[in-house]
PDB file of N, CA and C in Angstrom:
ATOM      1  N   MET A   1     104.998 118.197  93.161  1.00  0.00           N
ATOM      2  CA  MET A   1     103.792 117.402  93.237  1.00  0.00           C
ATOM      3  C   MET A   1     103.778 116.350  92.132  1.00  0.00           C
ATOM      4  N   THR A   2     104.270 116.709  90.950  1.00  0.00           N
ATOM      5  CA  THR A   2     104.220 115.759  89.840  1.00  0.00           C
ATOM      6  C   THR A   2     105.128 114.562  90.069  1.00  0.00           C
ATOM      7  N   THR A   3     106.228 114.742  90.795  1.00  0.00           N
ATOM      8  CA  THR A   3     107.107 113.605  91.066  1.00  0.00           C
ATOM      9  C   THR A   3     106.437 112.604  91.993  1.00  0.00           C
ATOM     10  N   ARG A   4     105.649 113.099  92.932  1.00  0.00           N
ATOM     11  CA  ARG A   4     104.924 112.185  93.831  1.00  0.00           C
ATOM     12  C   ARG A   4     103.850 111.422  93.078  1.00  0.00           C
ATOM     13  N   ILE A   5     103.166 112.097  92.177  1.00  0.00           N
ATOM     14  CA  ILE A   5     102.156 111.423  91.360  1.00  0.00           C
ATOM     15  C   ILE A   5     102.828 110.403  90.442  1.00  0.00           C
ATOM     16  N   PHE A   6     103.965 110.774  89.871  1.00  0.00           N
ATOM     17  CA  PHE A   6     104.718 109.864  89.014  1.00  0.00           C
ATOM     18  C   PHE A   6     105.139 108.614  89.779  1.00  0.00           C
ATOM     19  N   ASN A   7     105.654 108.787  90.996  1.00  0.00           N
ATOM     20  CA  ASN A   7     106.045 107.639  91.809  1.00  0.00           C
ATOM     21  C   ASN A   7     104.851 106.766  92.167  1.00  0.00           C
ATOM     22  N   ALA A   8     103.721 107.391  92.466  1.00  0.00           N
ATOM     23  CA  ALA A   8     102.518 106.615  92.778  1.00  0.00           C
ATOM     24  C   ALA A   8     102.078 105.792  91.562  1.00  0.00           C
ATOM     25  N   LEU A   9     102.162 106.387  90.385  1.00  0.00           N
ATOM     26  CA  LEU A   9     101.788 105.652  89.171  1.00  0.00           C
ATOM     27  C   LEU A   9     102.758 104.515  88.876  1.00  0.00           C
ATOM     28  N   ILE A  10     104.031 104.717  89.142  1.00  0.00           N
ATOM     29  CA  ILE A  10     104.996 103.632  88.962  1.00  0.00           C
ATOM     30  C   ILE A  10     104.709 102.501  89.947  1.00  0.00           C
ATOM     31  N   GLY A  11     104.324 102.860  91.171  1.00  0.00           N
ATOM     32  CA  GLY A  11     103.946 101.841  92.147  1.00  0.00           C
ATOM     33  C   GLY A  11     102.757 101.016  91.673  1.00  0.00           C
ATOM     34  N   ILE A  12     101.774 101.674  91.083  1.00  0.00           N
ATOM     35  CA  ILE A  12     100.612 100.963  90.545  1.00  0.00           C
ATOM     36  C   ILE A  12     101.040 100.076  89.375  1.00  0.00           C
ATOM     37  N   TRP A  13     101.921 100.593  88.515  1.00  0.00           N
ATOM     38  CA  TRP A  13     102.412  99.811  87.380  1.00  0.00           C
ATOM     39  C   TRP A  13     103.171  98.570  87.853  1.00  0.00           C
ATOM     40  N   LEU A  14     104.028  98.735  88.835  1.00  0.00           N
ATOM     41  CA  LEU A  14     104.777  97.590  89.362  1.00  0.00           C
ATOM     42  C   LEU A  14     103.838  96.537  89.940  1.00  0.00           C
ATOM     43  N   PHE A  15     102.825  96.981  90.658  1.00  0.00           N
ATOM     44  CA  PHE A  15     101.871  96.042  91.241  1.00  0.00           C
ATOM     45  C   PHE A  15     101.133  95.267  90.151  1.00  0.00           C
ATOM     46  N   ALA A  16     100.745  95.970  89.092  1.00  0.00           N
ATOM     47  CA  ALA A  16     100.032  95.309  87.996  1.00  0.00           C
ATOM     48  C   ALA A  16     100.929  94.312  87.267  1.00  0.00           C
ATOM     49  N   THR A  17     102.172  94.697  87.011  1.00  0.00           N
ATOM     50  CA  THR A  17     103.059  93.799  86.276  1.00  0.00           C
ATOM     51  C   THR A  17     103.509  92.607  87.105  1.00  0.00           C
ATOM     52  N   ALA A  18     103.393  92.696  88.415  1.00  0.00           N
ATOM     53  CA  ALA A  18     103.727  91.544  89.254  1.00  0.00           C
ATOM     54  C   ALA A  18     102.793  90.376  88.975  1.00  0.00           C
ATOM     55  N   PHE A  19     101.586  90.680  88.488  1.00  0.00           N
ATOM     56  CA  PHE A  19     100.618  89.637  88.178  1.00  0.00           C
ATOM     57  C   PHE A  19     100.447  89.404  86.681  1.00  0.00           C
ATOM     58  N   MET A  20     100.845  90.376  85.858  1.00  0.00           N
ATOM     59  CA  MET A  20     100.680  90.236  84.412  1.00  0.00           C
ATOM     60  C   MET A  20     101.771  89.376  83.780  1.00  0.00           C
ATOM     61  N   TRP A  21     103.009  89.518  84.249  1.00  0.00           N
ATOM     62  CA  TRP A  21     104.137  88.821  83.650  1.00  0.00           C
ATOM     63  C   TRP A  21     104.624  87.731  84.577  1.00  0.00           C
ATOM     64  N   PRO A  22     105.234  86.695  84.003  1.00  0.00           N
ATOM     65  CA  PRO A  22     105.726  85.615  84.863  1.00  0.00           C
ATOM     66  C   PRO A  22     106.941  86.053  85.682  1.00  0.00           C
ATOM     67  N   HIS A  23     106.884  85.786  86.971  1.00  0.00           N
ATOM     68  CA  HIS A  23     107.969  86.084  87.899  1.00  0.00           C
ATOM     69  C   HIS A  23     108.314  84.815  88.659  1.00  0.00           C
ATOM     70  N   ALA A  24     109.549  84.703  89.074  1.00  0.00           N
ATOM     71  CA  ALA A  24     109.886  83.691  90.062  1.00  0.00           C
ATOM     72  C   ALA A  24     109.202  84.110  91.365  1.00  0.00           C
ATOM     73  N   HIS A  25     108.980  83.157  92.260  1.00  0.00           N
ATOM     74  CA  HIS A  25     108.189  83.455  93.455  1.00  0.00           C
ATOM     75  C   HIS A  25     108.795  84.592  94.274  1.00  0.00           C
ATOM     76  N   LEU A  26     110.076  84.518  94.567  1.00  0.00           N
ATOM     77  CA  LEU A  26     110.713  85.556  95.380  1.00  0.00           C
ATOM     78  C   LEU A  26     110.734  86.893  94.646  1.00  0.00           C
ATOM     79  N   ALA A  27     110.955  86.868  93.351  1.00  0.00           N
ATOM     80  CA  ALA A  27     110.953  88.110  92.573  1.00  0.00           C
ATOM     81  C   ALA A  27     109.566  88.745  92.573  1.00  0.00           C
ATOM     82  N   GLN A  28     108.524  87.924  92.546  1.00  0.00           N
ATOM     83  CA  GLN A  28     107.165  88.458  92.583  1.00  0.00           C
ATOM     84  C   GLN A  28     106.866  89.093  93.938  1.00  0.00           C
ATOM     85  N   VAL A  29     107.303  88.453  95.000  1.00  0.00           N
ATOM     86  CA  VAL A  29     107.088  89.011  96.335  1.00  0.00           C
ATOM     87  C   VAL A  29     107.821  90.348  96.476  1.00  0.00           C
ATOM     88  N   VAL A  30     109.059  90.403  96.017  1.00  0.00           N
ATOM     89  CA  VAL A  30     109.831  91.643  96.093  1.00  0.00           C
ATOM     90  C   VAL A  30     109.167  92.736  95.264  1.00  0.00           C
ATOM     91  N   THR A  31     108.666  92.397  94.098  1.00  0.00           N
ATOM     92  CA  THR A  31     108.009  93.383  93.241  1.00  0.00           C
ATOM     93  C   THR A  31     106.743  93.921  93.892  1.00  0.00           C
ATOM     94  N   ILE A  32     105.956  93.048  94.500  1.00  0.00           N
ATOM     95  CA  ILE A  32     104.721  93.485  95.154  1.00  0.00           C
ATOM     96  C   ILE A  32     105.037  94.388  96.347  1.00  0.00           C
ATOM     97  N   VAL A  33     106.001  93.971  97.168  1.00  0.00           N
ATOM     98  CA  VAL A  33     106.371  94.779  98.336  1.00  0.00           C
ATOM     99  C   VAL A  33     106.915  96.134  97.896  1.00  0.00           C
ATOM    100  N   ALA A  34     107.771  96.150  96.884  1.00  0.00           N
ATOM    101  CA  ALA A  34     108.322  97.414  96.390  1.00  0.00           C
ATOM    102  C   ALA A  34     107.221  98.296  95.807  1.00  0.00           C
ATOM    103  N   ALA A  35     106.255  97.702  95.135  1.00  0.00           N
ATOM    104  CA  ALA A  35     105.156  98.476  94.552  1.00  0.00           C
ATOM    105  C   ALA A  35     104.306  99.131  95.637  1.00  0.00           C
ATOM    106  N   VAL A  36     103.963  98.374  96.646  1.00  0.00           N
ATOM    107  CA  VAL A  36     103.136  98.921  97.723  1.00  0.00           C
ATOM    108  C   VAL A  36     103.907  99.999  98.488  1.00  0.00           C
ATOM    109  N   LEU A  37     105.172  99.735  98.800  1.00  0.00           N
ATOM    110  CA  LEU A  37     105.978 100.731  99.510  1.00  0.00           C
ATOM    111  C   LEU A  37     106.172 101.995  98.680  1.00  0.00           C
ATOM    112  N   THR A  38     106.372 101.841  97.392  1.00  0.00           N
ATOM    113  CA  THR A  38     106.537 103.008  96.527  1.00  0.00           C
ATOM    114  C   THR A  38     105.278 103.864  96.528  1.00  0.00           C
ATOM    115  N   PHE A  39     104.139 103.227  96.416  1.00  0.00           N
ATOM    116  CA  PHE A  39     102.874 103.970  96.406  1.00  0.00           C
ATOM    117  C   PHE A  39     102.649 104.678  97.741  1.00  0.00           C
ATOM    118  N   VAL A  40     102.810 103.951  98.832  1.00  0.00           N
ATOM    119  CA  VAL A  40     102.552 104.530 100.153  1.00  0.00           C
ATOM    120  C   VAL A  40     103.542 105.648 100.469  1.00  0.00           C
ATOM    121  N   LEU A  41     104.805 105.411 100.181  1.00  0.00           N
ATOM    122  CA  LEU A  41     105.816 106.427 100.487  1.00  0.00           C
ATOM    123  C   LEU A  41     105.689 107.666  99.604  1.00  0.00           C
ATOM    124  N   SER A  42     105.217 107.482  98.370  1.00  0.00           N
ATOM    125  CA  SER A  42     105.038 108.660  97.512  1.00  0.00           C
ATOM    126  C   SER A  42     103.898 109.533  98.029  1.00  0.00           C
ATOM    127  N   ILE A  43     102.865 108.930  98.590  1.00  0.00           N
ATOM    128  CA  ILE A  43     101.778 109.712  99.188  1.00  0.00           C
ATOM    129  C   ILE A  43     102.244 110.336 100.505  1.00  0.00           C
ATOM    130  N   MET A  44     102.986 109.560 101.299  1.00  0.00           N
ATOM    131  CA  MET A  44     103.465 110.074 102.590  1.00  0.00           C
ATOM    132  C   MET A  44     104.474 111.201 102.431  1.00  0.00           C
ATOM    133  N   SER A  45     105.156 111.260 101.293  1.00  0.00           N
ATOM    134  CA  SER A  45     106.177 112.293 101.105  1.00  0.00           C
ATOM    135  C   SER A  45     105.576 113.697 101.028  1.00  0.00           C
ATOM    136  N   MET A  46     104.262 113.804 100.881  1.00  0.00           N
ATOM    137  CA  MET A  46     103.621 115.119 100.922  1.00  0.00           C
ATOM    138  C   MET A  46     103.624 115.686 102.337  1.00  0.00           C
ATOM    139  N   TYR A  47     103.675 114.805 103.323  1.00  0.00           N
ATOM    140  CA  TYR A  47     103.547 115.233 104.709  1.00  0.00           C
ATOM    141  C   TYR A  47     104.799 114.981 105.548  1.00  0.00           C
ATOM    142  N   ILE A  48     105.579 113.967 105.182  1.00  0.00           N
ATOM    143  CA  ILE A  48     106.749 113.591 105.966  1.00  0.00           C
ATOM    144  C   ILE A  48     107.996 113.790 105.113  1.00  0.00           C
ATOM    145  N   ARG A  49     108.940 114.509 105.648  1.00  0.00           N
ATOM    146  CA  ARG A  49     110.139 114.870 104.904  1.00  0.00           C
ATOM    147  C   ARG A  49     110.967 113.647 104.489  1.00  0.00           C
ATOM    148  N   GLY A  50     111.182 112.684 105.377  1.00  0.00           N
ATOM    149  CA  GLY A  50     112.070 111.559 105.100  1.00  0.00           C
ATOM    150  C   GLY A  50     111.471 110.470 104.227  1.00  0.00           C
ATOM    151  N   ALA A  51     110.205 110.569 103.885  1.00  0.00           N
ATOM    152  CA  ALA A  51     109.566 109.513 103.101  1.00  0.00           C
ATOM    153  C   ALA A  51     110.160 109.408 101.703  1.00  0.00           C
ATOM    154  N   ARG A  52     110.570 110.509 101.138  1.00  0.00           N
ATOM    155  CA  ARG A  52     111.149 110.448  99.792  1.00  0.00           C
ATOM    156  C   ARG A  52     112.500 109.751  99.807  1.00  0.00           C
ATOM    157  N   HIS A  53     113.230 109.872 100.912  1.00  0.00           N
ATOM    158  CA  HIS A  53     114.508 109.170 101.028  1.00  0.00           C
ATOM    159  C   HIS A  53     114.282 107.671 101.204  1.00  0.00           C
ATOM    160  N   LEU A  54     113.242 107.308 101.930  1.00  0.00           N
ATOM    161  CA  LEU A  54     112.893 105.894 102.058  1.00  0.00           C
ATOM    162  C   LEU A  54     112.470 105.320 100.704  1.00  0.00           C
ATOM    163  N   ASN A  55     111.812 106.149  99.904  1.00  0.00           N
ATOM    164  CA  ASN A  55     111.428 105.720  98.561  1.00  0.00           C
ATOM    165  C   ASN A  55     112.659 105.462  97.701  1.00  0.00           C
ATOM    166  N   ALA A  56     113.691 106.251  97.895  1.00  0.00           N
ATOM    167  CA  ALA A  56     114.952 106.021  97.171  1.00  0.00           C
ATOM    168  C   ALA A  56     115.596 104.711  97.616  1.00  0.00           C
ATOM    169  N   VAL A  57     115.501 104.390  98.895  1.00  0.00           N
ATOM    170  CA  VAL A  57     116.029 103.115  99.400  1.00  0.00           C
ATOM    171  C   VAL A  57     115.267 101.944  98.792  1.00  0.00           C
ATOM    172  N   VAL A  58     113.956 102.081  98.668  1.00  0.00           N
ATOM    173  CA  VAL A  58     113.151 101.036  98.027  1.00  0.00           C
ATOM    174  C   VAL A  58     113.573 100.857  96.576  1.00  0.00           C
ATOM    175  N   ALA A  59     113.867 101.953  95.894  1.00  0.00           N
ATOM    176  CA  ALA A  59     114.303 101.883  94.501  1.00  0.00           C
ATOM    177  C   ALA A  59     115.631 101.141  94.369  1.00  0.00           C
ATOM    178  N   VAL A  60     116.564 101.425  95.258  1.00  0.00           N
ATOM    179  CA  VAL A  60     117.855 100.734  95.226  1.00  0.00           C
ATOM    180  C   VAL A  60     117.656  99.242  95.511  1.00  0.00           C
ATOM    181  N   PHE A  61     116.817  98.932  96.480  1.00  0.00           N
ATOM    182  CA  PHE A  61     116.522  97.535  96.804  1.00  0.00           C
ATOM    183  C   PHE A  61     115.886  96.813  95.611  1.00  0.00           C
ATOM    184  N   LEU A  62     114.949  97.467  94.933  1.00  0.00           N
ATOM    185  CA  LEU A  62     114.310  96.868  93.762  1.00  0.00           C
ATOM    186  C   LEU A  62     115.313  96.661  92.636  1.00  0.00           C
ATOM    187  N   PHE A  63     116.197  97.622  92.430  1.00  0.00           N
ATOM    188  CA  PHE A  63     117.196  97.496  91.378  1.00  0.00           C
ATOM    189  C   PHE A  63     118.148  96.339  91.658  1.00  0.00           C
ATOM    190  N   LEU A  64     118.622  96.253  92.886  1.00  0.00           N
ATOM    191  CA  LEU A  64     119.534  95.167  93.240  1.00  0.00           C
ATOM    192  C   LEU A  64     118.850  93.804  93.151  1.00  0.00           C
ATOM    193  N   SER A  65     117.588  93.745  93.527  1.00  0.00           N
ATOM    194  CA  SER A  65     116.873  92.473  93.421  1.00  0.00           C
ATOM    195  C   SER A  65     116.623  92.101  91.963  1.00  0.00           C
ATOM    196  N   ALA A  66     116.429  93.095  91.101  1.00  0.00           N
ATOM    197  CA  ALA A  66     116.242  92.809  89.677  1.00  0.00           C
ATOM    198  C   ALA A  66     117.512  92.217  89.069  1.00  0.00           C
ATOM    199  N   LEU A  67     118.650  92.648  89.576  1.00  0.00           N
ATOM    200  CA  LEU A  67     119.919  92.144  89.049  1.00  0.00           C
ATOM    201  C   LEU A  67     120.321  90.803  89.652  1.00  0.00           C
ATOM    202  N   THR A  68     119.944  90.542  90.887  1.00  0.00           N
ATOM    203  CA  THR A  68     120.452  89.350  91.575  1.00  0.00           C
ATOM    204  C   THR A  68     119.478  88.184  91.622  1.00  0.00           C
ATOM    205  N   LEU A  69     118.187  88.453  91.689  1.00  0.00           N
ATOM    206  CA  LEU A  69     117.222  87.353  91.785  1.00  0.00           C
ATOM    207  C   LEU A  69     117.017  86.696  90.425  1.00  0.00           C
ATOM    208  N   PRO A  70     116.763  85.396  90.418  1.00  0.00           N
ATOM    209  CA  PRO A  70     116.517  84.735  89.130  1.00  0.00           C
ATOM    210  C   PRO A  70     115.204  85.208  88.513  1.00  0.00           C
ATOM    211  N   ALA A  71     115.246  85.476  87.231  1.00  0.00           N
ATOM    212  CA  ALA A  71     114.063  85.949  86.511  1.00  0.00           C
ATOM    213  C   ALA A  71     113.650  84.907  85.484  1.00  0.00           C
ATOM    214  N   LEU A  72     112.347  84.765  85.300  1.00  0.00           N
ATOM    215  CA  LEU A  72     111.848  83.814  84.297  1.00  0.00           C
ATOM    216  C   LEU A  72     111.988  84.377  82.889  1.00  0.00           C
ATOM    217  N   THR A  73     111.850  85.680  82.751  1.00  0.00           N
ATOM    218  CA  THR A  73     112.019  86.323  81.447  1.00  0.00           C
ATOM    219  C   THR A  73     112.859  87.586  81.611  1.00  0.00           C
ATOM    220  N   ARG A  74     113.449  88.016  80.523  1.00  0.00           N
ATOM    221  CA  ARG A  74     114.229  89.252  80.557  1.00  0.00           C
ATOM    222  C   ARG A  74     113.335  90.468  80.738  1.00  0.00           C
ATOM    223  N   ALA A  75     112.113  90.370  80.248  1.00  0.00           N
ATOM    224  CA  ALA A  75     111.196  91.515  80.333  1.00  0.00           C
ATOM    225  C   ALA A  75     110.910  91.896  81.779  1.00  0.00           C
ATOM    226  N   THR A  76     110.741  90.925  82.649  1.00  0.00           N
ATOM    227  CA  THR A  76     110.480  91.251  84.055  1.00  0.00           C
ATOM    228  C   THR A  76     111.699  91.883  84.706  1.00  0.00           C
ATOM    229  N   CYS A  77     112.862  91.387  84.360  1.00  0.00           N
ATOM    230  CA  CYS A  77     114.092  91.960  84.912  1.00  0.00           C
ATOM    231  C   CYS A  77     114.270  93.399  84.442  1.00  0.00           C
ATOM    232  N   TRP A  78     114.080  93.633  83.157  1.00  0.00           N
ATOM    233  CA  TRP A  78     114.211  94.988  82.613  1.00  0.00           C
ATOM    234  C   TRP A  78     113.145  95.916  83.178  1.00  0.00           C
ATOM    235  N   ASN A  79     111.926  95.429  83.305  1.00  0.00           N
ATOM    236  CA  ASN A  79     110.842  96.248  83.841  1.00  0.00           C
ATOM    237  C   ASN A  79     111.170  96.701  85.258  1.00  0.00           C
ATOM    238  N   ASN A  80     111.596  95.775  86.101  1.00  0.00           N
ATOM    239  CA  ASN A  80     111.911  96.132  87.478  1.00  0.00           C
ATOM    240  C   ASN A  80     113.107  97.081  87.547  1.00  0.00           C
ATOM    241  N   ALA A  81     114.108  96.863  86.713  1.00  0.00           N
ATOM    242  CA  ALA A  81     115.288  97.729  86.729  1.00  0.00           C
ATOM    243  C   ALA A  81     114.949  99.143  86.258  1.00  0.00           C
ATOM    244  N   ILE A  82     114.180  99.258  85.190  1.00  0.00           N
ATOM    245  CA  ILE A  82     113.812 100.578  84.672  1.00  0.00           C
ATOM    246  C   ILE A  82     112.897 101.307  85.644  1.00  0.00           C
ATOM    247  N   CYS A  83     111.960 100.584  86.231  1.00  0.00           N
ATOM    248  CA  CYS A  83     111.083 101.210  87.229  1.00  0.00           C
ATOM    249  C   CYS A  83     111.880 101.667  88.442  1.00  0.00           C
ATOM    250  N   ALA A  84     112.859 100.880  88.860  1.00  0.00           N
ATOM    251  CA  ALA A  84     113.684 101.261  90.003  1.00  0.00           C
ATOM    252  C   ALA A  84     114.473 102.533  89.712  1.00  0.00           C
ATOM    253  N   ILE A  85     115.008 102.640  88.516  1.00  0.00           N
ATOM    254  CA  ILE A  85     115.753 103.850  88.143  1.00  0.00           C
ATOM    255  C   ILE A  85     114.823 105.059  88.113  1.00  0.00           C
ATOM    256  N   ALA A  86     113.623 104.877  87.568  1.00  0.00           N
ATOM    257  CA  ALA A  86     112.655 105.981  87.509  1.00  0.00           C
ATOM    258  C   ALA A  86     112.222 106.408  88.905  1.00  0.00           C
ATOM    259  N   ILE A  87     112.006 105.452  89.806  1.00  0.00           N
ATOM    260  CA  ILE A  87     111.627 105.775  91.179  1.00  0.00           C
ATOM    261  C   ILE A  87     112.750 106.530  91.874  1.00  0.00           C
ATOM    262  N   LEU A  88     113.970 106.084  91.674  1.00  0.00           N
ATOM    263  CA  LEU A  88     115.118 106.739  92.306  1.00  0.00           C
ATOM    264  C   LEU A  88     115.259 108.181  91.830  1.00  0.00           C
ATOM    265  N   ILE A  89     115.186 108.392  90.536  1.00  0.00           N
ATOM    266  CA  ILE A  89     115.329 109.748  89.999  1.00  0.00           C
ATOM    267  C   ILE A  89     114.194 110.650  90.483  1.00  0.00           C
ATOM    268  N   ALA A  90     112.968 110.133  90.456  1.00  0.00           N
ATOM    269  CA  ALA A  90     111.829 110.944  90.887  1.00  0.00           C
ATOM    270  C   ALA A  90     111.873 111.237  92.379  1.00  0.00           C
ATOM    271  N   SER A  91     112.316 110.276  93.172  1.00  0.00           N
ATOM    272  CA  SER A  91     112.365 110.526  94.615  1.00  0.00           C
ATOM    273  C   SER A  91     113.476 111.495  94.981  1.00  0.00           C
ATOM    274  N   LEU A  92     114.563 111.496  94.237  1.00  0.00           N
ATOM    275  CA  LEU A  92     115.627 112.458  94.503  1.00  0.00           C
ATOM    276  C   LEU A  92     115.288 113.849  93.975  1.00  0.00           C
ATOM    277  N   ALA A  93     114.454 113.933  92.952  1.00  0.00           N
ATOM    278  CA  ALA A  93     114.050 115.226  92.399  1.00  0.00           C
ATOM    279  C   ALA A  93     112.913 115.858  93.184  1.00  0.00           C
ATOM    280  N   ASP A  94     112.263 115.087  94.043  1.00  0.00           N
ATOM    281  CA  ASP A  94     111.146 115.588  94.834  1.00  0.00           C
ATOM    282  C   ASP A  94     111.648 116.598  95.858  1.00  0.00           C
ATOM    283  N   SER A  95     110.886 117.662  96.077  1.00  0.00           N
ATOM    284  CA  SER A  95     111.310 118.701  97.016  1.00  0.00           C
ATOM    285  C   SER A  95     110.708 118.536  98.400  1.00  0.00           C
ATOM    286  N   GLY A  96     109.859 117.543  98.601  1.00  0.00           N
ATOM    287  CA  GLY A  96     109.304 117.277  99.925  1.00  0.00           C
ATOM    288  C   GLY A  96     108.152 118.196 100.269  1.00  0.00           C
ATOM    289  N   PRO A  97     107.754 118.203 101.547  1.00  0.00           N
ATOM    290  CA  PRO A  97     106.611 119.017 101.974  1.00  0.00           C
ATOM    291  C   PRO A  97     106.835 120.516 101.774  1.00  0.00           C
ATOM    292  N   GLU A  98     108.091 120.960 101.843  1.00  0.00           N
ATOM    293  CA  GLU A  98     108.366 122.382 101.627  1.00  0.00           C
ATOM    294  C   GLU A  98     108.003 122.788 100.199  1.00  0.00           C
ATOM    295  N   GLY A  99     108.241 121.888  99.258  1.00  0.00           N
ATOM    296  CA  GLY A  99     107.884 122.168  97.869  1.00  0.00           C
ATOM    297  C   GLY A  99     106.390 122.279  97.667  1.00  0.00           C
ATOM    298  N   VAL A 100     105.626 121.489  98.408  1.00  0.00           N
ATOM    299  CA  VAL A 100     104.163 121.565  98.312  1.00  0.00           C
ATOM    300  C   VAL A 100     103.698 122.922  98.823  1.00  0.00           C
ATOM    301  N   ARG A 101     104.250 123.367  99.958  1.00  0.00           N
ATOM    302  CA  ARG A 101     103.875 124.674 100.488  1.00  0.00           C
ATOM    303  C   ARG A 101     104.261 125.788  99.517  1.00  0.00           C
ATOM    304  N   ARG A 102     105.442 125.659  98.927  1.00  0.00           N
ATOM    305  CA  ARG A 102     105.901 126.676  97.983  1.00  0.00           C
ATOM    306  C   ARG A 102     105.005 126.713  96.746  1.00  0.00           C
ATOM    307  N   GLU A 103     104.603 125.531  96.262  1.00  0.00           N
ATOM    308  CA  GLU A 103     103.699 125.490  95.107  1.00  0.00           C
ATOM    309  C   GLU A 103     102.370 126.136  95.437  1.00  0.00           C
ATOM    310  N   ARG A 104     101.859 125.882  96.629  1.00  0.00           N
ATOM    311  CA  ARG A 104     100.588 126.489  97.018  1.00  0.00           C
ATOM    312  C   ARG A 104     100.699 128.004  97.117  1.00  0.00           C
ATOM    313  N   GLU A 105     101.814 128.483  97.659  1.00  0.00           N
ATOM    314  CA  GLU A 105     102.011 129.930  97.742  1.00  0.00           C
ATOM    315  C   GLU A 105     102.181 130.541  96.355  1.00  0.00           C
ATOM    316  N   LEU A 106     102.879 129.841  95.486  1.00  0.00           N
ATOM    317  CA  LEU A 106     103.118 130.345  94.139  1.00  0.00           C
ATOM    318  C   LEU A 106     101.847 130.465  93.338  1.00  0.00           C
ATOM    319  N   TYR A 107     100.985 129.476  93.474  1.00  0.00           N
ATOM    320  CA  TYR A 107      99.756 129.453  92.678  1.00  0.00           C
ATOM    321  C   TYR A 107      98.555 130.020  93.415  1.00  0.00           C
ATOM    322  N   GLY A 108      98.760 130.506  94.635  1.00  0.00           N
ATOM    323  CA  GLY A 108      97.690 131.185  95.355  1.00  0.00           C
ATOM    324  C   GLY A 108      96.689 130.281  96.037  1.00  0.00           C
ATOM    325  N   ARG A 109      97.059 129.026  96.269  1.00  0.00           N
ATOM    326  CA  ARG A 109      96.132 128.121  96.949  1.00  0.00           C
ATOM    327  C   ARG A 109      96.498 128.040  98.415  1.00  0.00           C
ATOM    328  N   ILE A 110      95.509 127.926  99.252  1.00  0.00           N
ATOM    329  CA  ILE A 110      95.747 127.820 100.687  1.00  0.00           C
ATOM    330  C   ILE A 110      95.474 126.414 101.152  1.00  0.00           C
TER     331      ILE A 110
END
């Protein structure tokens, strides 16, 4: 559960930084799309098994765009790259809907 919350928070952070720091136009669009997809897919991963894998694909796409698209500052490039790595690690560490059921059984919640 904590990995899904972590991914959702990273999605919110990416969305905020898309407007806080200067981005090239295409880099800003990619950051916004990746932020929204990360947030939505992290919530959907509680119910749909493949959503966490799609979140990993979004992370790879964000990382590659951070390396290839022109950036106005190094901070935006580093921010997107670090967030992409964090999203990838968290989405691969997520156990999916089975983990949510197991956590509920472990802690006695129905």
